[in-house]
Amino acid sequence: MAPKVSVESRQSVAIVGTGMAGLITAYILRNDSRGRFDVEVFEKQNHLSLDSASLTVSNKSGTKQRVDLPMRAFASGFYDNLKRMYDYFGVEYGSQRFVYPFSTISESSCEKKRNIRTHYIHSSHMHKFPPLKPEGSSWFTWLIEALYLGICYLWIVACSTFIKPIEANSSRPSETFRQYAARIRLPQYFLKHYYLPIMSAVTTCPHNALLNFPAIDIVDYQAKTFRKPHYTVMGGVHKVQDKLSKDLKVHFSSAATKIENVGTRVQLTWKNDGTGAIESKLFDHVIMAVTPDVVRAIFPPLRSVLGIIPTETVPAYVHRDFDRLPECSKVVDGEIESKPGLPPSERIHLCSNSSSTEFTHEHLSSVIITTSPILPIDPTKIEHSVFFTRTLRTPISRKVTNEIFESPVSYSDAVDSKQWRNGDGNVWLVGSWCWDGMVLLEGCIASALRIADKLDVEVPWAS
């Protein structure tokens, strides 16, 4: 039995933000085996944010289903920490099969559905073989396209295994994916019509931003997820939120406005949206589980340096505008069948123009989720909309991020330090962007585990 810790020796912790990173960090510290931390969480909304964008809808039979926004699919290999945490909590998840129709939107006009041309229909892990033939394609054209894609895909898989991206040194930053694709001579047609669209769906980023990512991010993701199954949480991510937030002390409608060191402690100031009052409190530790733009606004030491990390607002809509779906949906409807014991395949349409990709998920609940739309959506058929902030990556922002998350110096040294490090003055950062990798949920877990390590807290699922 762990020894009791006196009230005087307990440490107070404030966590700003209730997304995945904030809730995981709160759970780890609250369940410290030595009972050393009193945790309070501050959320600007009137509800927890991890599941705040999701909604419950009724399907054609009247059964209610939870629709997660953004989509919370994850793959083995890359999301190992996330998967271990789900297993620890007994969160049910299932292997999900997807069908990806790849389509091009005509540059001449984006007003009508007829300007969408589907040129290939891919089934995850080739569960539908031979691949479905898009309506209007000849057998010869379809066969040539399939052979071309197979060769290009094998080429980039081989390159991601044997040709590593060029890392940064004292004279140059790390290689971008644009530079890497040119170096390995990745065919432009494959890059534009297939690889960038699928990676844009994963990262919710426009093509140009994705090309400016550090190549190591994309190559690492490619290598780790190769031939790995994809999963979705059964019943929605709110089940994860419920597990992490049980008995958690949360200040809702409390938007943090400033974080600053006062002596050896940290003062958090927030605005109570219910009363309009500005309130402050001293803590031993303050942990920011928010995006870089929010950190810049509330934490002066990082106001300048985090300006180098770009962010972008991404819109997502839940709607029933079935008329805007590509014609290939009819082909898919007629060909896809559910195998016994397996859920039916879900369709994700990847419709691209020269600069971006909109991805439209035909959810099993009979609604449609469109993210980063290019084509218009009938406003009378929109049931829900949300805008979320996506943190982008560049070689320079990667360098800045890695410098921030080096081993923190002591508080006494941090006062005169030119570069703030994570943990200086007992102020910490967690989030999907707070690690050296793709800005995805795995970063939330990794950054929370880093704080657990620095504060010498055992993580139950890590052991």
Protein backbone atom coordinates (compact mmCIF):
# COMPACT_ATOMS: atom_id res chain seq x y z
CA MET A 1 0.00 0.00 0.00
CA ALA A 2 1.38 3.41 -1.04
CA PRO A 3 2.29 5.74 1.85
CA LYS A 4 -0.01 8.69 2.42
CA VAL A 5 1.25 12.12 1.42
CA SER A 6 0.68 15.02 3.79
CA VAL A 7 -1.45 17.93 2.61
CA GLU A 8 1.56 20.25 2.94
CA SER A 9 3.65 18.18 0.50
CA ARG A 10 0.97 17.78 -2.16
CA GLN A 11 1.41 19.81 -5.35
CA SER A 12 -1.35 21.77 -7.03
CA VAL A 13 -1.69 21.41 -10.80
CA ALA A 14 -3.80 23.40 -13.25
CA ILE A 15 -4.45 21.99 -16.71
CA VAL A 16 -5.76 24.30 -19.42
CA GLY A 17 -7.81 22.42 -22.02
CA THR A 18 -9.90 19.24 -22.01
CA GLY A 19 -8.96 17.61 -25.29
CA MET A 20 -7.28 14.22 -25.40
CA ALA A 21 -3.91 15.51 -24.14
CA GLY A 22 -5.38 17.49 -21.25
CA LEU A 23 -7.62 14.67 -20.05
CA ILE A 24 -4.86 12.05 -20.26
CA THR A 25 -2.42 14.25 -18.36
CA ALA A 26 -5.05 14.95 -15.70
CA TYR A 27 -5.83 11.25 -15.34
CA ILE A 28 -2.16 10.27 -14.97
CA LEU A 29 -1.42 12.90 -12.33
CA ARG A 30 -4.64 12.33 -10.37
CA ASN A 31 -3.87 8.62 -10.20
CA ASP A 32 -0.29 9.01 -9.06
CA SER A 33 0.41 5.98 -6.86
CA ARG A 34 1.93 8.29 -4.22
CA GLY A 35 -1.01 10.70 -4.27
CA ARG A 36 1.11 13.83 -4.71
CA PHE A 37 -1.06 15.98 -7.01
CA ASP A 38 -4.27 17.97 -6.68
CA VAL A 39 -5.50 18.58 -10.21
CA GLU A 40 -7.90 21.25 -11.47
CA VAL A 41 -8.84 21.56 -15.13
CA PHE A 42 -9.96 24.72 -16.92
CA GLU A 43 -12.15 24.63 -20.00
CA LYS A 44 -13.46 27.67 -21.90
CA GLN A 45 -16.55 25.81 -23.11
CA ASN A 46 -19.38 24.62 -20.90
CA HIS A 47 -18.52 20.99 -21.63
CA LEU A 48 -15.42 18.84 -22.15
CA SER A 49 -13.84 19.44 -25.53
CA LEU A 50 -12.64 15.96 -26.55
CA ASP A 51 -16.14 14.96 -27.64
CA SER A 52 -17.59 18.45 -27.95
CA ALA A 53 -17.78 18.52 -31.76
CA SER A 54 -19.43 15.09 -32.05
CA LEU A 55 -23.17 14.50 -32.18
CA THR A 56 -25.81 11.76 -31.96
CA VAL A 57 -27.96 11.09 -35.02
CA SER A 58 -30.68 8.60 -35.94
CA ASN A 59 -30.26 6.21 -38.85
CA LYS A 60 -33.04 5.06 -41.18
CA SER A 61 -34.26 2.45 -38.69
CA GLY A 62 -34.41 5.01 -35.88
CA THR A 63 -31.38 3.65 -34.02
CA LYS A 64 -29.22 6.38 -32.51
CA GLN A 65 -25.51 6.43 -33.36
CA ARG A 66 -22.66 8.67 -32.28
CA VAL A 67 -20.79 10.52 -35.03
CA ASP A 68 -17.28 11.58 -34.04
CA LEU A 69 -15.91 14.87 -35.33
CA PRO A 70 -13.19 14.78 -36.37
CA MET A 71 -13.09 11.13 -37.36
CA ARG A 72 -11.13 9.12 -34.74
CA ALA A 73 -9.81 6.19 -36.79
CA PHE A 74 -6.37 4.93 -35.80
CA ALA A 75 -3.89 2.36 -37.10
CA SER A 76 -1.61 -0.12 -35.40
CA GLY A 77 2.10 0.58 -35.69
CA PHE A 78 1.79 4.35 -35.39
CA TYR A 79 -0.80 4.61 -32.59
CA ASP A 80 0.73 2.05 -30.22
CA ASN A 81 0.49 4.24 -27.10
CA LEU A 82 -3.12 5.14 -27.88
CA LYS A 83 -4.00 1.50 -28.43
CA ARG A 84 -2.38 0.46 -25.13
CA MET A 85 -4.39 3.11 -23.28
CA TYR A 86 -7.65 1.95 -24.88
CA ASP A 87 -6.83 -1.64 -23.90
CA TYR A 88 -6.15 -0.58 -20.31
CA PHE A 89 -9.52 1.15 -20.00
CA GLY A 90 -11.37 -1.65 -21.77
CA VAL A 91 -12.48 0.73 -24.53
CA GLU A 92 -13.95 -1.35 -27.34
CA TYR A 93 -12.67 -0.72 -30.84
CA GLY A 94 -13.06 -2.68 -34.03
CA SER A 95 -11.16 -3.13 -37.26
CA GLN A 96 -12.83 -1.03 -39.91
CA ARG A 97 -12.74 -1.51 -43.67
CA PHE A 98 -12.85 1.58 -45.86
CA VAL A 99 -13.50 2.20 -49.54
CA TYR A 100 -11.81 5.28 -51.00
CA PRO A 101 -13.13 6.60 -54.32
CA PHE A 102 -10.51 9.03 -55.72
CA SER A 103 -12.06 11.80 -57.80
CA THR A 104 -10.96 14.99 -59.53
CA ILE A 105 -12.97 18.19 -59.44
CA SER A 106 -12.92 20.11 -62.70
CA GLU A 107 -11.10 23.44 -62.49
CA SER A 108 -13.60 25.07 -64.87
CA SER A 109 -16.46 25.05 -62.38
CA CYS A 110 -17.15 23.76 -58.88
CA GLU A 111 -20.87 24.33 -58.91
CA LYS A 112 -22.24 21.02 -60.19
CA LYS A 113 -21.79 17.39 -59.32
CA ARG A 114 -21.14 16.54 -63.00
CA ASN A 115 -17.71 18.16 -62.71
CA ILE A 116 -16.49 15.32 -60.47
CA ARG A 117 -14.68 12.49 -62.26
CA THR A 118 -13.89 9.31 -60.31
CA HIS A 119 -10.74 7.67 -61.65
CA TYR A 120 -10.13 4.88 -59.11
CA ILE A 121 -11.83 3.11 -56.18
CA HIS A 122 -9.43 1.72 -53.58
CA SER A 123 -10.40 -0.75 -50.84
CA SER A 124 -8.33 -0.70 -47.65
CA HIS A 125 -5.96 -3.68 -47.51
CA MET A 126 -7.47 -4.81 -50.82
CA HIS A 127 -10.46 -6.37 -49.05
CA LYS A 128 -12.36 -5.93 -52.33
CA PHE A 129 -10.35 -7.65 -55.06
CA PRO A 130 -10.24 -7.04 -57.91
CA PRO A 131 -10.76 -3.30 -57.26
CA LEU A 132 -14.10 -1.77 -58.20
CA LYS A 133 -14.22 -0.18 -61.64
CA PRO A 134 -15.54 3.41 -61.68
CA GLU A 135 -18.59 3.99 -63.80
CA GLY A 136 -17.65 5.29 -67.24
CA SER A 137 -14.11 3.83 -67.24
CA SER A 138 -13.20 1.24 -69.85
CA TRP A 139 -11.72 -2.05 -68.70
CA PHE A 140 -8.45 -1.19 -70.45
CA THR A 141 -8.18 2.25 -68.79
CA TRP A 142 -9.05 0.79 -65.40
CA LEU A 143 -6.45 -1.99 -65.77
CA ILE A 144 -3.69 0.45 -66.75
CA GLU A 145 -4.60 2.74 -63.83
CA ALA A 146 -4.54 -0.17 -61.36
CA LEU A 147 -1.14 -1.41 -62.60
CA TYR A 148 0.30 2.12 -62.51
CA LEU A 149 -0.90 2.66 -58.95
CA GLY A 150 0.48 -0.68 -57.82
CA ILE A 151 3.93 0.15 -59.18
CA CYS A 152 3.92 3.68 -57.71
CA TYR A 153 2.75 2.44 -54.32
CA LEU A 154 5.41 -0.26 -54.16
CA TRP A 155 7.97 2.37 -55.13
CA ILE A 156 7.12 4.77 -52.31
CA VAL A 157 6.93 1.89 -49.82
CA ALA A 158 10.41 0.79 -50.89
CA CYS A 159 11.72 4.36 -50.70
CA SER A 160 10.25 4.89 -47.21
CA THR A 161 12.14 1.77 -46.12
CA PHE A 162 15.49 2.26 -47.82
CA ILE A 163 15.81 5.98 -48.68
CA LYS A 164 15.59 8.02 -45.51
CA PRO A 165 14.78 11.75 -45.54
CA ILE A 166 17.71 14.13 -45.11
CA GLU A 167 17.87 15.41 -41.53
CA ALA A 168 18.80 18.93 -40.44
CA ASN A 169 22.36 19.99 -39.69
CA SER A 170 24.07 23.25 -38.77
CA SER A 171 23.78 24.60 -42.31
CA ARG A 172 20.33 23.45 -43.47
CA PRO A 173 16.90 22.46 -42.13
CA SER A 174 15.46 18.98 -42.54
CA GLU A 175 14.16 17.93 -45.95
CA THR A 176 10.56 18.76 -46.87
CA PHE A 177 8.26 16.17 -48.39
CA ARG A 178 8.28 18.23 -51.61
CA GLN A 179 12.05 17.85 -51.79
CA TYR A 180 11.92 14.18 -50.84
CA ALA A 181 9.28 13.39 -53.49
CA ALA A 182 11.46 15.08 -56.12
CA ARG A 183 14.59 13.23 -54.92
CA ILE A 184 12.98 9.80 -55.17
CA ARG A 185 11.35 10.81 -58.48
CA LEU A 186 7.82 10.11 -57.30
CA PRO A 187 5.59 10.47 -60.39
CA GLN A 188 3.64 13.73 -60.35
CA TYR A 189 0.36 12.15 -61.46
CA PHE A 190 0.47 9.69 -58.57
CA LEU A 191 1.52 12.42 -56.14
CA LYS A 192 -1.21 14.85 -57.19
CA HIS A 193 -4.15 12.49 -57.70
CA TYR A 194 -3.50 9.82 -55.06
CA TYR A 195 -0.79 10.32 -52.47
CA LEU A 196 -1.50 13.93 -51.53
CA PRO A 197 -5.28 13.32 -51.34
CA ILE A 198 -4.97 10.35 -48.97
CA MET A 199 -2.40 12.12 -46.78
CA SER A 200 -4.55 15.27 -46.81
CA ALA A 201 -7.40 13.16 -45.44
CA VAL A 202 -5.12 11.89 -42.65
CA THR A 203 -3.76 15.32 -41.73
CA THR A 204 -6.67 17.60 -42.79
CA CYS A 205 -4.14 19.84 -44.55
CA PRO A 206 -4.16 21.41 -48.04
CA HIS A 207 -1.67 20.04 -50.55
CA ASN A 208 0.88 22.84 -50.39
CA ALA A 209 1.04 22.69 -46.58
CA LEU A 210 1.50 18.93 -46.76
CA LEU A 211 4.34 19.28 -49.28
CA ASN A 212 6.05 21.62 -46.81
CA PHE A 213 5.87 19.07 -43.98
CA PRO A 214 9.17 17.58 -42.82
CA ALA A 215 9.60 14.50 -45.01
CA ILE A 216 10.46 12.40 -41.96
CA ASP A 217 6.90 12.89 -40.61
CA ILE A 218 5.21 11.41 -43.66
CA VAL A 219 7.81 8.71 -44.34
CA ASP A 220 7.66 7.56 -40.70
CA TYR A 221 3.85 7.41 -40.78
CA GLN A 222 3.95 5.52 -44.09
CA ALA A 223 6.42 2.96 -42.77
CA LYS A 224 4.67 2.36 -39.44
CA THR A 225 1.16 1.96 -40.87
CA PHE A 226 2.10 -0.20 -43.85
CA ARG A 227 -0.26 -3.19 -43.97
CA LYS A 228 -1.58 -2.39 -40.49
CA PRO A 229 -5.31 -2.57 -39.69
CA HIS A 230 -7.35 0.55 -38.98
CA TYR A 231 -9.70 0.76 -36.01
CA THR A 232 -12.54 2.93 -34.77
CA VAL A 233 -13.86 3.23 -31.21
CA MET A 234 -17.15 1.40 -30.83
CA GLY A 235 -19.87 3.85 -29.85
CA GLY A 236 -17.75 6.97 -30.18
CA VAL A 237 -14.87 8.73 -28.45
CA HIS A 238 -17.18 9.97 -25.68
CA LYS A 239 -16.58 6.60 -24.02
CA VAL A 240 -12.88 7.45 -23.77
CA GLN A 241 -13.76 10.90 -22.45
CA ASP A 242 -15.99 9.38 -19.76
CA LYS A 243 -13.19 7.09 -18.57
CA LEU A 244 -10.57 9.85 -18.41
CA SER A 245 -12.77 12.49 -16.78
CA LYS A 246 -14.44 10.47 -14.03
CA ASP A 247 -14.47 12.50 -10.77
CA LEU A 248 -12.34 15.20 -12.43
CA LYS A 249 -12.58 18.72 -11.00
CA VAL A 250 -13.33 20.97 -13.99
CA HIS A 251 -13.91 24.74 -14.15
CA PHE A 252 -16.22 25.14 -17.14
CA SER A 253 -16.74 28.41 -19.02
CA SER A 254 -13.32 29.49 -17.75
CA ALA A 255 -11.08 30.81 -20.52
CA ALA A 256 -7.43 31.18 -19.54
CA THR A 257 -6.13 34.67 -20.30
CA LYS A 258 -2.61 34.64 -18.85
CA ILE A 259 -0.02 32.34 -17.32
CA GLU A 260 2.98 33.83 -15.52
CA ASN A 261 5.58 32.92 -12.91
CA VAL A 262 5.19 34.56 -9.52
CA GLY A 263 8.16 33.66 -7.36
CA THR A 264 8.53 29.90 -7.45
CA ARG A 265 4.88 29.31 -8.33
CA VAL A 266 2.72 29.81 -11.41
CA GLN A 267 -0.27 32.14 -11.58
CA LEU A 268 -3.16 31.25 -13.85
CA THR A 269 -5.62 34.01 -14.72
CA TRP A 270 -8.93 33.22 -16.37
CA LYS A 271 -12.21 34.85 -17.28
CA ASN A 272 -15.35 33.31 -15.84
CA ASP A 273 -17.80 33.54 -18.74
CA GLY A 274 -20.72 32.94 -16.40
CA THR A 275 -20.06 35.94 -14.16
CA GLY A 276 -17.71 37.94 -16.37
CA ALA A 277 -15.23 38.11 -13.48
CA ILE A 278 -11.47 37.87 -13.95
CA GLU A 279 -10.03 35.38 -11.47
CA SER A 280 -6.50 34.22 -10.58
CA LYS A 281 -4.94 31.43 -8.59
CA LEU A 282 -1.40 30.23 -7.82
CA PHE A 283 -0.40 26.66 -8.64
CA ASP A 284 2.76 24.61 -8.31
CA HIS A 285 2.44 23.49 -11.95
CA VAL A 286 0.42 24.73 -14.92
CA ILE A 287 0.03 22.53 -17.99
CA MET A 288 -1.24 23.97 -21.27
CA ALA A 289 -3.08 21.40 -23.41
CA VAL A 290 -4.02 23.80 -26.19
CA THR A 291 -2.93 24.70 -29.73
CA PRO A 292 0.09 26.96 -30.41
CA ASP A 293 -2.04 30.00 -31.25
CA VAL A 294 -3.72 29.79 -27.83
CA VAL A 295 -0.36 29.34 -26.08
CA ARG A 296 0.91 32.49 -27.81
CA ALA A 297 -2.06 34.44 -26.52
CA ILE A 298 -1.79 33.41 -22.84
CA PHE A 299 1.91 32.71 -22.23
CA PRO A 300 4.25 35.67 -22.96
CA PRO A 301 7.58 33.72 -23.01
CA LEU A 302 6.39 31.82 -26.12
CA ARG A 303 4.52 34.66 -27.80
CA SER A 304 7.25 35.28 -30.37
CA VAL A 305 8.74 31.85 -30.96
CA LEU A 306 5.44 30.04 -31.48
CA GLY A 307 4.60 32.50 -34.24
CA ILE A 308 6.82 30.27 -36.39
CA ILE A 309 4.42 27.33 -35.97
CA PRO A 310 1.59 27.76 -38.50
CA THR A 311 -2.02 26.82 -37.79
CA GLU A 312 -5.07 26.59 -40.01
CA THR A 313 -8.82 26.54 -39.38
CA VAL A 314 -10.49 23.43 -40.81
CA PRO A 315 -14.28 23.30 -41.33
CA ALA A 316 -16.35 20.12 -41.08
CA TYR A 317 -20.07 19.68 -41.82
CA VAL A 318 -22.60 16.96 -40.99
CA HIS A 319 -25.31 17.03 -43.63
CA ARG A 320 -27.67 15.01 -45.83
CA ASP A 321 -26.88 16.53 -49.21
CA PHE A 322 -26.63 13.21 -51.04
CA ASP A 323 -26.94 14.91 -54.44
CA ARG A 324 -23.35 16.18 -54.21
CA LEU A 325 -21.86 12.68 -53.91
CA PRO A 326 -19.96 11.38 -56.95
CA GLU A 327 -21.79 8.99 -59.26
CA CYS A 328 -19.45 6.18 -58.13
CA SER A 329 -21.59 5.77 -55.01
CA LYS A 330 -24.04 3.79 -57.14
CA VAL A 331 -21.27 1.43 -58.23
CA VAL A 332 -20.07 1.00 -54.65
CA ASP A 333 -23.61 0.41 -53.37
CA GLY A 334 -24.06 -2.42 -55.84
CA GLU A 335 -20.73 -4.13 -55.21
CA ILE A 336 -19.93 -3.84 -51.50
CA GLU A 337 -21.32 -6.51 -49.24
CA SER A 338 -20.76 -7.13 -45.56
CA LYS A 339 -19.04 -10.36 -44.54
CA PRO A 340 -20.43 -12.27 -41.54
CA GLY A 341 -18.99 -10.95 -38.29
CA LEU A 342 -17.63 -7.78 -39.91
CA PRO A 343 -19.19 -4.32 -40.15
CA PRO A 344 -19.94 -3.04 -43.64
CA SER A 345 -17.26 -1.04 -45.41
CA GLU A 346 -17.47 2.72 -45.00
CA ARG A 347 -16.95 5.04 -47.95
CA ILE A 348 -14.67 8.05 -47.83
CA HIS A 349 -14.72 10.10 -51.02
CA LEU A 350 -11.51 11.98 -51.77
CA CYS A 351 -12.35 14.77 -54.23
CA SER A 352 -9.42 16.96 -55.22
CA ASN A 353 -8.62 20.03 -57.26
CA SER A 354 -5.09 21.32 -57.90
CA SER A 355 -4.57 22.66 -54.36
CA SER A 356 -6.66 20.70 -51.86
CA THR A 357 -8.80 17.68 -51.13
CA GLU A 358 -12.23 17.54 -49.58
CA PHE A 359 -13.03 14.23 -47.95
CA THR A 360 -16.58 13.09 -47.50
CA HIS A 361 -17.40 10.23 -45.16
CA GLU A 362 -20.65 8.38 -45.79
CA HIS A 363 -21.32 7.40 -42.20
CA LEU A 364 -23.19 4.20 -41.43
CA SER A 365 -25.80 6.28 -39.59
CA SER A 366 -26.95 7.68 -42.98
CA VAL A 367 -25.45 11.13 -42.55
CA ILE A 368 -22.52 12.59 -44.49
CA ILE A 369 -19.49 14.28 -42.95
CA THR A 370 -17.57 16.57 -45.28
CA THR A 371 -14.29 18.11 -44.16
CA SER A 372 -12.55 20.97 -45.98
CA PRO A 373 -15.30 21.21 -48.62
CA ILE A 374 -14.47 22.44 -52.10
CA LEU A 375 -17.91 21.94 -53.62
CA PRO A 376 -20.87 23.80 -52.08
CA ILE A 377 -23.20 22.03 -49.66
CA ASP A 378 -26.93 22.74 -49.69
CA PRO A 379 -27.31 24.89 -46.53
CA THR A 380 -30.82 23.57 -45.91
CA LYS A 381 -29.40 20.05 -45.49
CA ILE A 382 -26.62 20.91 -43.03
CA GLU A 383 -27.35 19.52 -39.55
CA HIS A 384 -24.14 20.43 -37.73
CA SER A 385 -20.93 22.33 -38.41
CA VAL A 386 -17.68 22.77 -36.54
CA PHE A 387 -14.36 24.52 -37.06
CA PHE A 388 -11.21 23.15 -35.46
CA THR A 389 -7.60 24.32 -35.45
CA ARG A 390 -5.00 22.21 -37.21
CA THR A 391 -1.33 22.72 -36.34
CA LEU A 392 0.85 22.47 -39.43
CA ARG A 393 4.44 21.29 -39.64
CA THR A 394 7.45 22.72 -41.47
CA PRO A 395 11.18 22.00 -41.05
CA ILE A 396 11.55 25.30 -39.19
CA SER A 397 8.57 24.70 -36.89
CA ARG A 398 9.90 21.19 -36.26
CA LYS A 399 13.22 22.67 -35.15
CA VAL A 400 11.45 25.12 -32.82
CA THR A 401 9.27 22.38 -31.35
CA ASN A 402 12.20 20.06 -30.75
CA GLU A 403 14.15 22.85 -29.02
CA ILE A 404 11.20 23.54 -26.71
CA PHE A 405 10.93 19.92 -25.67
CA GLU A 406 14.58 19.35 -24.83
CA SER A 407 15.40 18.59 -21.18
CA PRO A 408 14.14 21.58 -19.12
CA VAL A 409 16.58 23.66 -17.12
CA SER A 410 15.98 24.54 -13.47
CA TYR A 411 13.75 27.46 -12.57
CA SER A 412 16.64 29.61 -11.31
CA ASP A 413 18.43 29.26 -14.66
CA ALA A 414 15.27 29.79 -16.70
CA VAL A 415 14.95 33.41 -15.63
CA ASP A 416 17.93 34.41 -17.74
CA SER A 417 17.49 31.78 -20.43
CA LYS A 418 16.98 33.06 -23.98
CA GLN A 419 15.10 29.95 -25.02
CA TRP A 420 12.20 28.68 -22.97
CA ARG A 421 12.13 24.91 -22.51
CA ASN A 422 9.18 22.73 -21.58
CA GLY A 423 8.95 22.66 -17.78
CA ASP A 424 10.81 25.91 -17.15
CA GLY A 425 9.23 27.57 -14.14
CA ASN A 426 6.96 24.51 -13.78
CA VAL A 427 4.99 25.47 -16.89
CA TRP A 428 4.39 22.60 -19.33
CA LEU A 429 2.97 21.91 -22.77
CA VAL A 430 1.07 18.84 -24.01
CA GLY A 431 -0.84 18.21 -27.21
CA SER A 432 -0.86 16.51 -30.57
CA TRP A 433 1.76 19.01 -31.81
CA CYS A 434 4.06 18.63 -28.79
CA TRP A 435 6.31 15.91 -30.13
CA ASP A 436 8.48 15.15 -33.14
CA GLY A 437 5.92 13.54 -35.42
CA MET A 438 2.66 13.94 -37.31
CA VAL A 439 0.14 16.13 -35.50
CA LEU A 440 -2.24 13.32 -34.57
CA LEU A 441 -3.69 11.76 -31.41
CA GLU A 442 -0.54 9.75 -30.74
CA GLY A 443 1.24 13.04 -30.01
CA CYS A 444 -1.26 13.69 -27.20
CA ILE A 445 -0.28 10.44 -25.50
CA ALA A 446 3.45 10.87 -26.09
CA SER A 447 3.53 14.39 -24.66
CA ALA A 448 1.50 13.34 -21.59
CA LEU A 449 3.89 10.44 -21.00
CA ARG A 450 6.80 12.88 -21.16
CA ILE A 451 5.35 14.92 -18.29
CA ALA A 452 4.70 11.73 -16.31
CA ASP A 453 8.36 10.84 -16.75
CA LYS A 454 9.60 14.30 -15.69
CA LEU A 455 7.37 14.29 -12.58
CA ASP A 456 8.22 10.66 -11.80
CA VAL A 457 4.66 9.39 -12.11
CA GLU A 458 3.94 5.81 -13.09
CA VAL A 459 1.61 5.41 -16.06
CA PRO A 460 -0.63 2.37 -15.49
CA TRP A 461 -0.93 1.24 -19.12
CA ALA A 462 2.77 1.82 -19.89
CA SER A 463 3.78 -1.00 -17.59
